[in-house]
Amino acid sequence: SVVIPFFNDHLSVLMRTVHSCFNRAPAHLLKEVILVNDHSTKTELYDELKAYLKSNFEGKAHVVDLPSRGGLITARLAGARVATGDVL
């Protein structure tokens, strides 16, 4: 599982990052990509991201939204809690 915390990142950057993970990692090793939204203020953009991930990555990539800003470590731990892979 790959955990990617983000805060107020541009939509294109997040999409490019997810595509890079799937294009570069061996398919048998990559179980999922988890993007953790650390309570970004650009919420209108991330609905489009969720829809894009759902339609293009068939459940192998999804977004976890944190209810309040927690910082890098808190976001990374939140992603680790929902990860289903054997290795992070």
PDB file of N, CA and C in Angstrom:
ATOM      1  N   SER A   1       0.843  -1.186   0.000  1.00  0.00           N
ATOM      2  CA  SER A   1       0.000   0.000   0.000  1.00  0.00           C
ATOM      3  C   SER A   1       0.879   1.236   0.000  1.00  0.00           C
ATOM      4  N   VAL A   2       0.494   2.207  -0.811  1.00  0.00           N
ATOM      5  CA  VAL A   2       1.188   3.486  -0.850  1.00  0.00           C
ATOM      6  C   VAL A   2       0.278   4.521  -0.212  1.00  0.00           C
ATOM      7  N   VAL A   3       0.793   5.243   0.791  1.00  0.00           N
ATOM      8  CA  VAL A   3       0.029   6.275   1.485  1.00  0.00           C
ATOM      9  C   VAL A   3       0.605   7.632   1.095  1.00  0.00           C
ATOM     10  N   ILE A   4      -0.260   8.526   0.582  1.00  0.00           N
ATOM     11  CA  ILE A   4       0.169   9.845   0.126  1.00  0.00           C
ATOM     12  C   ILE A   4      -0.652  10.908   0.866  1.00  0.00           C
ATOM     13  N   PRO A   5      -0.086  11.519   1.907  1.00  0.00           N
ATOM     14  CA  PRO A   5      -0.782  12.626   2.571  1.00  0.00           C
ATOM     15  C   PRO A   5      -0.716  13.882   1.705  1.00  0.00           C
ATOM     16  N   PHE A   6      -1.775  14.704   1.733  1.00  0.00           N
ATOM     17  CA  PHE A   6      -1.730  15.966   0.997  1.00  0.00           C
ATOM     18  C   PHE A   6      -2.558  17.029   1.697  1.00  0.00           C
ATOM     19  N   PHE A   7      -2.171  18.283   1.451  1.00  0.00           N
ATOM     20  CA  PHE A   7      -2.884  19.443   1.976  1.00  0.00           C
ATOM     21  C   PHE A   7      -2.852  20.535   0.916  1.00  0.00           C
ATOM     22  N   ASN A   8      -4.014  20.880   0.379  1.00  0.00           N
ATOM     23  CA  ASN A   8      -4.164  21.943  -0.617  1.00  0.00           C
ATOM     24  C   ASN A   8      -3.295  21.762  -1.860  1.00  0.00           C
ATOM     25  N   ASP A   9      -3.072  20.525  -2.278  1.00  0.00           N
ATOM     26  CA  ASP A   9      -2.333  20.277  -3.516  1.00  0.00           C
ATOM     27  C   ASP A   9      -3.250  20.470  -4.712  1.00  0.00           C
ATOM     28  N   HIS A  10      -2.655  20.761  -5.847  1.00  0.00           N
ATOM     29  CA  HIS A  10      -3.419  20.902  -7.074  1.00  0.00           C
ATOM     30  C   HIS A  10      -3.902  19.540  -7.544  1.00  0.00           C
ATOM     31  N   LEU A  11      -5.076  19.533  -8.132  1.00  0.00           N
ATOM     32  CA  LEU A  11      -5.694  18.302  -8.602  1.00  0.00           C
ATOM     33  C   LEU A  11      -4.813  17.568  -9.604  1.00  0.00           C
ATOM     34  N   SER A  12      -4.212  18.293 -10.542  1.00  0.00           N
ATOM     35  CA  SER A  12      -3.378  17.651 -11.562  1.00  0.00           C
ATOM     36  C   SER A  12      -2.153  16.976 -10.948  1.00  0.00           C
ATOM     37  N   VAL A  13      -1.598  17.561  -9.912  1.00  0.00           N
ATOM     38  CA  VAL A  13      -0.430  16.969  -9.249  1.00  0.00           C
ATOM     39  C   VAL A  13      -0.807  15.650  -8.590  1.00  0.00           C
ATOM     40  N   LEU A  14      -1.951  15.615  -7.933  1.00  0.00           N
ATOM     41  CA  LEU A  14      -2.390  14.382  -7.274  1.00  0.00           C
ATOM     42  C   LEU A  14      -2.693  13.281  -8.287  1.00  0.00           C
ATOM     43  N   MET A  15      -3.346  13.650  -9.374  1.00  0.00           N
ATOM     44  CA  MET A  15      -3.644  12.661 -10.415  1.00  0.00           C
ATOM     45  C   MET A  15      -2.360  12.118 -11.037  1.00  0.00           C
ATOM     46  N   ARG A  16      -1.409  12.994 -11.301  1.00  0.00           N
ATOM     47  CA  ARG A  16      -0.130  12.568 -11.882  1.00  0.00           C
ATOM     48  C   ARG A  16       0.615  11.639 -10.925  1.00  0.00           C
ATOM     49  N   THR A  17       0.556  11.938  -9.643  1.00  0.00           N
ATOM     50  CA  THR A  17       1.219  11.101  -8.644  1.00  0.00           C
ATOM     51  C   THR A  17       0.622   9.701  -8.598  1.00  0.00           C
ATOM     52  N   VAL A  18      -0.694   9.617  -8.625  1.00  0.00           N
ATOM     53  CA  VAL A  18      -1.354   8.309  -8.597  1.00  0.00           C
ATOM     54  C   VAL A  18      -1.025   7.528  -9.868  1.00  0.00           C
ATOM     55  N   HIS A  19      -1.078   8.186 -11.010  1.00  0.00           N
ATOM     56  CA  HIS A  19      -0.722   7.510 -12.268  1.00  0.00           C
ATOM     57  C   HIS A  19       0.721   7.016 -12.229  1.00  0.00           C
ATOM     58  N   SER A  20       1.622   7.804 -11.683  1.00  0.00           N
ATOM     59  CA  SER A  20       3.025   7.385 -11.584  1.00  0.00           C
ATOM     60  C   SER A  20       3.181   6.141 -10.721  1.00  0.00           C
ATOM     61  N   CYS A  21       2.442   6.089  -9.631  1.00  0.00           N
ATOM     62  CA  CYS A  21       2.508   4.903  -8.769  1.00  0.00           C
ATOM     63  C   CYS A  21       2.107   3.648  -9.538  1.00  0.00           C
ATOM     64  N   PHE A  22       1.005   3.722 -10.260  1.00  0.00           N
ATOM     65  CA  PHE A  22       0.527   2.550 -10.992  1.00  0.00           C
ATOM     66  C   PHE A  22       1.372   2.239 -12.229  1.00  0.00           C
ATOM     67  N   ASN A  23       1.933   3.258 -12.859  1.00  0.00           N
ATOM     68  CA  ASN A  23       2.755   3.028 -14.055  1.00  0.00           C
ATOM     69  C   ASN A  23       4.153   2.521 -13.727  1.00  0.00           C
ATOM     70  N   ARG A  24       4.686   2.894 -12.585  1.00  0.00           N
ATOM     71  CA  ARG A  24       6.073   2.548 -12.244  1.00  0.00           C
ATOM     72  C   ARG A  24       6.225   1.318 -11.354  1.00  0.00           C
ATOM     73  N   ALA A  25       5.265   1.086 -10.481  1.00  0.00           N
ATOM     74  CA  ALA A  25       5.385  -0.045  -9.551  1.00  0.00           C
ATOM     75  C   ALA A  25       4.942  -1.333 -10.242  1.00  0.00           C
ATOM     76  N   PRO A  26       5.612  -2.436  -9.951  1.00  0.00           N
ATOM     77  CA  PRO A  26       5.156  -3.720 -10.492  1.00  0.00           C
ATOM     78  C   PRO A  26       3.739  -4.033 -10.000  1.00  0.00           C
ATOM     79  N   ALA A  27       2.881  -4.429 -10.904  1.00  0.00           N
ATOM     80  CA  ALA A  27       1.462  -4.642 -10.580  1.00  0.00           C
ATOM     81  C   ALA A  27       1.257  -5.659  -9.461  1.00  0.00           C
ATOM     82  N   HIS A  28       2.102  -6.661  -9.392  1.00  0.00           N
ATOM     83  CA  HIS A  28       1.926  -7.685  -8.363  1.00  0.00           C
ATOM     84  C   HIS A  28       2.347  -7.189  -6.973  1.00  0.00           C
ATOM     85  N   LEU A  29       3.041  -6.067  -6.896  1.00  0.00           N
ATOM     86  CA  LEU A  29       3.467  -5.525  -5.602  1.00  0.00           C
ATOM     87  C   LEU A  29       2.583  -4.391  -5.095  1.00  0.00           C
ATOM     88  N   LEU A  30       1.872  -3.715  -5.982  1.00  0.00           N
ATOM     89  CA  LEU A  30       1.068  -2.557  -5.590  1.00  0.00           C
ATOM     90  C   LEU A  30      -0.386  -2.965  -5.383  1.00  0.00           C
ATOM     91  N   LYS A  31      -0.802  -2.972  -4.139  1.00  0.00           N
ATOM     92  CA  LYS A  31      -2.175  -3.362  -3.833  1.00  0.00           C
ATOM     93  C   LYS A  31      -3.133  -2.173  -3.906  1.00  0.00           C
ATOM     94  N   GLU A  32      -2.698  -0.998  -3.421  1.00  0.00           N
ATOM     95  CA  GLU A  32      -3.579   0.162  -3.388  1.00  0.00           C
ATOM     96  C   GLU A  32      -2.773   1.445  -3.198  1.00  0.00           C
ATOM     97  N   VAL A  33      -3.412   2.555  -3.553  1.00  0.00           N
ATOM     98  CA  VAL A  33      -2.866   3.884  -3.290  1.00  0.00           C
ATOM     99  C   VAL A  33      -3.905   4.626  -2.463  1.00  0.00           C
ATOM    100  N   ILE A  34      -3.485   5.116  -1.310  1.00  0.00           N
ATOM    101  CA  ILE A  34      -4.379   5.825  -0.402  1.00  0.00           C
ATOM    102  C   ILE A  34      -3.916   7.275  -0.318  1.00  0.00           C
ATOM    103  N   LEU A  35      -4.768   8.193  -0.738  1.00  0.00           N
ATOM    104  CA  LEU A  35      -4.486   9.619  -0.604  1.00  0.00           C
ATOM    105  C   LEU A  35      -5.188  10.114   0.652  1.00  0.00           C
ATOM    106  N   VAL A  36      -4.452  10.753   1.546  1.00  0.00           N
ATOM    107  CA  VAL A  36      -5.030  11.232   2.793  1.00  0.00           C
ATOM    108  C   VAL A  36      -5.131  12.750   2.732  1.00  0.00           C
ATOM    109  N   ASN A  37      -6.358  13.253   2.711  1.00  0.00           N
ATOM    110  CA  ASN A  37      -6.630  14.685   2.673  1.00  0.00           C
ATOM    111  C   ASN A  37      -6.563  15.224   4.100  1.00  0.00           C
ATOM    112  N   ASP A  38      -5.506  15.994   4.381  1.00  0.00           N
ATOM    113  CA  ASP A  38      -5.293  16.538   5.725  1.00  0.00           C
ATOM    114  C   ASP A  38      -6.098  17.826   5.912  1.00  0.00           C
ATOM    115  N   HIS A  39      -7.407  17.718   5.739  1.00  0.00           N
ATOM    116  CA  HIS A  39      -8.362  18.809   5.937  1.00  0.00           C
ATOM    117  C   HIS A  39      -8.036  20.020   5.062  1.00  0.00           C
ATOM    118  N   SER A  40      -7.894  19.774   3.759  1.00  0.00           N
ATOM    119  CA  SER A  40      -7.610  20.842   2.799  1.00  0.00           C
ATOM    120  C   SER A  40      -8.772  21.822   2.723  1.00  0.00           C
ATOM    121  N   THR A  41      -8.459  23.047   2.320  1.00  0.00           N
ATOM    122  CA  THR A  41      -9.494  24.062   2.171  1.00  0.00           C
ATOM    123  C   THR A  41     -10.031  24.127   0.748  1.00  0.00           C
ATOM    124  N   LYS A  42      -9.418  23.417  -0.190  1.00  0.00           N
ATOM    125  CA  LYS A  42      -9.867  23.369  -1.586  1.00  0.00           C
ATOM    126  C   LYS A  42     -10.814  22.190  -1.806  1.00  0.00           C
ATOM    127  N   THR A  43     -11.819  22.090  -0.980  1.00  0.00           N
ATOM    128  CA  THR A  43     -12.681  20.902  -0.983  1.00  0.00           C
ATOM    129  C   THR A  43     -13.404  20.672  -2.304  1.00  0.00           C
ATOM    130  N   GLU A  44     -13.709  21.742  -3.049  1.00  0.00           N
ATOM    131  CA  GLU A  44     -14.440  21.572  -4.307  1.00  0.00           C
ATOM    132  C   GLU A  44     -13.636  20.783  -5.337  1.00  0.00           C
ATOM    133  N   LEU A  45     -12.320  20.833  -5.270  1.00  0.00           N
ATOM    134  CA  LEU A  45     -11.489  20.101  -6.220  1.00  0.00           C
ATOM    135  C   LEU A  45     -11.446  18.602  -5.928  1.00  0.00           C
ATOM    136  N   TYR A  46     -11.553  18.248  -4.685  1.00  0.00           N
ATOM    137  CA  TYR A  46     -11.326  16.865  -4.299  1.00  0.00           C
ATOM    138  C   TYR A  46     -12.515  15.955  -4.561  1.00  0.00           C
ATOM    139  N   ASP A  47     -13.696  16.510  -4.770  1.00  0.00           N
ATOM    140  CA  ASP A  47     -14.827  15.684  -5.211  1.00  0.00           C
ATOM    141  C   ASP A  47     -14.539  15.139  -6.610  1.00  0.00           C
ATOM    142  N   GLU A  48     -13.943  15.980  -7.451  1.00  0.00           N
ATOM    143  CA  GLU A  48     -13.556  15.541  -8.796  1.00  0.00           C
ATOM    144  C   GLU A  48     -12.476  14.465  -8.720  1.00  0.00           C
ATOM    145  N   LEU A  49     -11.538  14.621  -7.793  1.00  0.00           N
ATOM    146  CA  LEU A  49     -10.482  13.623  -7.606  1.00  0.00           C
ATOM    147  C   LEU A  49     -11.077  12.276  -7.206  1.00  0.00           C
ATOM    148  N   LYS A  50     -11.996  12.283  -6.261  1.00  0.00           N
ATOM    149  CA  LYS A  50     -12.618  11.034  -5.809  1.00  0.00           C
ATOM    150  C   LYS A  50     -13.355  10.335  -6.959  1.00  0.00           C
ATOM    151  N   ALA A  51     -14.081  11.101  -7.741  1.00  0.00           N
ATOM    152  CA  ALA A  51     -14.803  10.521  -8.877  1.00  0.00           C
ATOM    153  C   ALA A  51     -13.830   9.961  -9.910  1.00  0.00           C
ATOM    154  N   TYR A  52     -12.750  10.673 -10.162  1.00  0.00           N
ATOM    155  CA  TYR A  52     -11.743  10.224 -11.126  1.00  0.00           C
ATOM    156  C   TYR A  52     -11.093   8.919 -10.668  1.00  0.00           C
ATOM    157  N   LEU A  53     -10.720   8.845  -9.400  1.00  0.00           N
ATOM    158  CA  LEU A  53     -10.096   7.626  -8.877  1.00  0.00           C
ATOM    159  C   LEU A  53     -11.055   6.453  -8.941  1.00  0.00           C
ATOM    160  N   LYS A  54     -12.299   6.700  -8.611  1.00  0.00           N
ATOM    161  CA  LYS A  54     -13.293   5.623  -8.615  1.00  0.00           C
ATOM    162  C   LYS A  54     -13.509   5.080 -10.025  1.00  0.00           C
ATOM    163  N   SER A  55     -13.549   5.962 -11.009  1.00  0.00           N
ATOM    164  CA  SER A  55     -13.829   5.508 -12.371  1.00  0.00           C
ATOM    165  C   SER A  55     -12.609   4.956 -13.107  1.00  0.00           C
ATOM    166  N   ASN A  56     -11.403   5.354 -12.707  1.00  0.00           N
ATOM    167  CA  ASN A  56     -10.211   4.941 -13.450  1.00  0.00           C
ATOM    168  C   ASN A  56      -9.350   3.885 -12.761  1.00  0.00           C
ATOM    169  N   PHE A  57      -9.498   3.700 -11.466  1.00  0.00           N
ATOM    170  CA  PHE A  57      -8.611   2.759 -10.778  1.00  0.00           C
ATOM    171  C   PHE A  57      -9.353   1.639 -10.056  1.00  0.00           C
ATOM    172  N   GLU A  58     -10.636   1.489 -10.327  1.00  0.00           N
ATOM    173  CA  GLU A  58     -11.427   0.333  -9.886  1.00  0.00           C
ATOM    174  C   GLU A  58     -11.208  -0.057  -8.428  1.00  0.00           C
ATOM    175  N   GLY A  59     -11.259   0.893  -7.518  1.00  0.00           N
ATOM    176  CA  GLY A  59     -11.122   0.599  -6.099  1.00  0.00           C
ATOM    177  C   GLY A  59      -9.702   0.425  -5.611  1.00  0.00           C
ATOM    178  N   LYS A  60      -8.717   0.555  -6.487  1.00  0.00           N
ATOM    179  CA  LYS A  60      -7.322   0.407  -6.074  1.00  0.00           C
ATOM    180  C   LYS A  60      -6.718   1.718  -5.584  1.00  0.00           C
ATOM    181  N   ALA A  61      -7.460   2.821  -5.719  1.00  0.00           N
ATOM    182  CA  ALA A  61      -7.009   4.119  -5.219  1.00  0.00           C
ATOM    183  C   ALA A  61      -8.212   4.829  -4.617  1.00  0.00           C
ATOM    184  N   HIS A  62      -8.024   5.390  -3.432  1.00  0.00           N
ATOM    185  CA  HIS A  62      -9.117   6.117  -2.801  1.00  0.00           C
ATOM    186  C   HIS A  62      -8.583   7.207  -1.884  1.00  0.00           C
ATOM    187  N   VAL A  63      -9.505   8.082  -1.456  1.00  0.00           N
ATOM    188  CA  VAL A  63      -9.157   9.237  -0.626  1.00  0.00           C
ATOM    189  C   VAL A  63      -9.732   9.038   0.768  1.00  0.00           C
ATOM    190  N   VAL A  64      -8.931   9.347   1.776  1.00  0.00           N
ATOM    191  CA  VAL A  64      -9.377   9.380   3.164  1.00  0.00           C
ATOM    192  C   VAL A  64      -9.364  10.844   3.583  1.00  0.00           C
ATOM    193  N   ASP A  65     -10.493  11.342   4.080  1.00  0.00           N
ATOM    194  CA  ASP A  65     -10.595  12.735   4.524  1.00  0.00           C
ATOM    195  C   ASP A  65     -10.478  12.813   6.036  1.00  0.00           C
ATOM    196  N   LEU A  66      -9.556  13.646   6.522  1.00  0.00           N
ATOM    197  CA  LEU A  66      -9.430  13.860   7.964  1.00  0.00           C
ATOM    198  C   LEU A  66     -10.375  14.980   8.388  1.00  0.00           C
ATOM    199  N   PRO A  67     -11.013  14.847   9.553  1.00  0.00           N
ATOM    200  CA  PRO A  67     -11.980  15.852  10.003  1.00  0.00           C
ATOM    201  C   PRO A  67     -11.346  17.172  10.448  1.00  0.00           C
ATOM    202  N   SER A  68     -10.063  17.144  10.789  1.00  0.00           N
ATOM    203  CA  SER A  68      -9.353  18.360  11.187  1.00  0.00           C
ATOM    204  C   SER A  68      -7.890  18.237  10.784  1.00  0.00           C
ATOM    205  N   ARG A  69      -7.210  19.356  10.693  1.00  0.00           N
ATOM    206  CA  ARG A  69      -5.808  19.380  10.276  1.00  0.00           C
ATOM    207  C   ARG A  69      -4.962  18.712  11.350  1.00  0.00           C
ATOM    208  N   GLY A  70      -4.179  17.707  10.946  1.00  0.00           N
ATOM    209  CA  GLY A  70      -3.370  16.969  11.912  1.00  0.00           C
ATOM    210  C   GLY A  70      -1.890  16.990  11.613  1.00  0.00           C
ATOM    211  N   GLY A  71      -1.510  17.338  10.392  1.00  0.00           N
ATOM    212  CA  GLY A  71      -0.103  17.337  10.024  1.00  0.00           C
ATOM    213  C   GLY A  71       0.297  16.044   9.341  1.00  0.00           C
ATOM    214  N   LEU A  72       1.554  16.003   8.919  1.00  0.00           N
ATOM    215  CA  LEU A  72       2.063  14.897   8.115  1.00  0.00           C
ATOM    216  C   LEU A  72       1.968  13.551   8.819  1.00  0.00           C
ATOM    217  N   ILE A  73       2.435  13.469  10.034  1.00  0.00           N
ATOM    218  CA  ILE A  73       2.470  12.177  10.731  1.00  0.00           C
ATOM    219  C   ILE A  73       1.060  11.667  11.013  1.00  0.00           C
ATOM    220  N   THR A  74       0.179  12.545  11.455  1.00  0.00           N
ATOM    221  CA  THR A  74      -1.209  12.145  11.719  1.00  0.00           C
ATOM    222  C   THR A  74      -1.881  11.642  10.445  1.00  0.00           C
ATOM    223  N   ALA A  75      -1.656  12.339   9.340  1.00  0.00           N
ATOM    224  CA  ALA A  75      -2.243  11.928   8.061  1.00  0.00           C
ATOM    225  C   ALA A  75      -1.680  10.584   7.613  1.00  0.00           C
ATOM    226  N   ARG A  76      -0.383  10.427   7.766  1.00  0.00           N
ATOM    227  CA  ARG A  76       0.241   9.163   7.358  1.00  0.00           C
ATOM    228  C   ARG A  76      -0.292   7.999   8.201  1.00  0.00           C
ATOM    229  N   LEU A  77      -0.461   8.210   9.490  1.00  0.00           N
ATOM    230  CA  LEU A  77      -0.998   7.166  10.366  1.00  0.00           C
ATOM    231  C   LEU A  77      -2.454   6.845  10.022  1.00  0.00           C
ATOM    232  N   ALA A  78      -3.231   7.845   9.645  1.00  0.00           N
ATOM    233  CA  ALA A  78      -4.619   7.613   9.235  1.00  0.00           C
ATOM    234  C   ALA A  78      -4.667   6.740   7.981  1.00  0.00           C
ATOM    235  N   GLY A  79      -3.761   6.987   7.054  1.00  0.00           N
ATOM    236  CA  GLY A  79      -3.672   6.149   5.859  1.00  0.00           C
ATOM    237  C   GLY A  79      -3.242   4.737   6.190  1.00  0.00           C
ATOM    238  N   ALA A  80      -2.312   4.605   7.114  1.00  0.00           N
ATOM    239  CA  ALA A  80      -1.842   3.281   7.526  1.00  0.00           C
ATOM    240  C   ALA A  80      -2.959   2.461   8.176  1.00  0.00           C
ATOM    241  N   ARG A  81      -3.847   3.135   8.917  1.00  0.00           N
ATOM    242  CA  ARG A  81      -4.946   2.435   9.571  1.00  0.00           C
ATOM    243  C   ARG A  81      -5.919   1.794   8.585  1.00  0.00           C
ATOM    244  N   VAL A  82      -6.120   2.430   7.438  1.00  0.00           N
ATOM    245  CA  VAL A  82      -7.076   1.886   6.463  1.00  0.00           C
ATOM    246  C   VAL A  82      -6.417   1.022   5.396  1.00  0.00           C
ATOM    247  N   ALA A  83      -5.089   0.974   5.389  1.00  0.00           N
ATOM    248  CA  ALA A  83      -4.364   0.196   4.379  1.00  0.00           C
ATOM    249  C   ALA A  83      -4.621  -1.288   4.565  1.00  0.00           C
ATOM    250  N   THR A  84      -4.724  -1.993   3.441  1.00  0.00           N
ATOM    251  CA  THR A  84      -4.974  -3.437   3.499  1.00  0.00           C
ATOM    252  C   THR A  84      -3.773  -4.243   3.013  1.00  0.00           C
ATOM    253  N   GLY A  85      -2.741  -3.572   2.524  1.00  0.00           N
ATOM    254  CA  GLY A  85      -1.554  -4.268   2.048  1.00  0.00           C
ATOM    255  C   GLY A  85      -0.689  -4.757   3.200  1.00  0.00           C
ATOM    256  N   ASP A  86       0.197  -5.697   2.914  1.00  0.00           N
ATOM    257  CA  ASP A  86       1.105  -6.223   3.928  1.00  0.00           C
ATOM    258  C   ASP A  86       2.237  -5.265   4.245  1.00  0.00           C
ATOM    259  N   VAL A  87       2.584  -4.419   3.290  1.00  0.00           N
ATOM    260  CA  VAL A  87       3.707  -3.485   3.439  1.00  0.00           C
ATOM    261  C   VAL A  87       3.226  -2.094   3.080  1.00  0.00           C
ATOM    262  N   LEU A  88       3.687  -1.100   3.838  1.00  0.00           N
ATOM    263  CA  LEU A  88       3.351   0.303   3.527  1.00  0.00           C
ATOM    264  C   LEU A  88       4.533   0.932   2.849  1.00  0.00           C
TER     265      LEU A  88
END
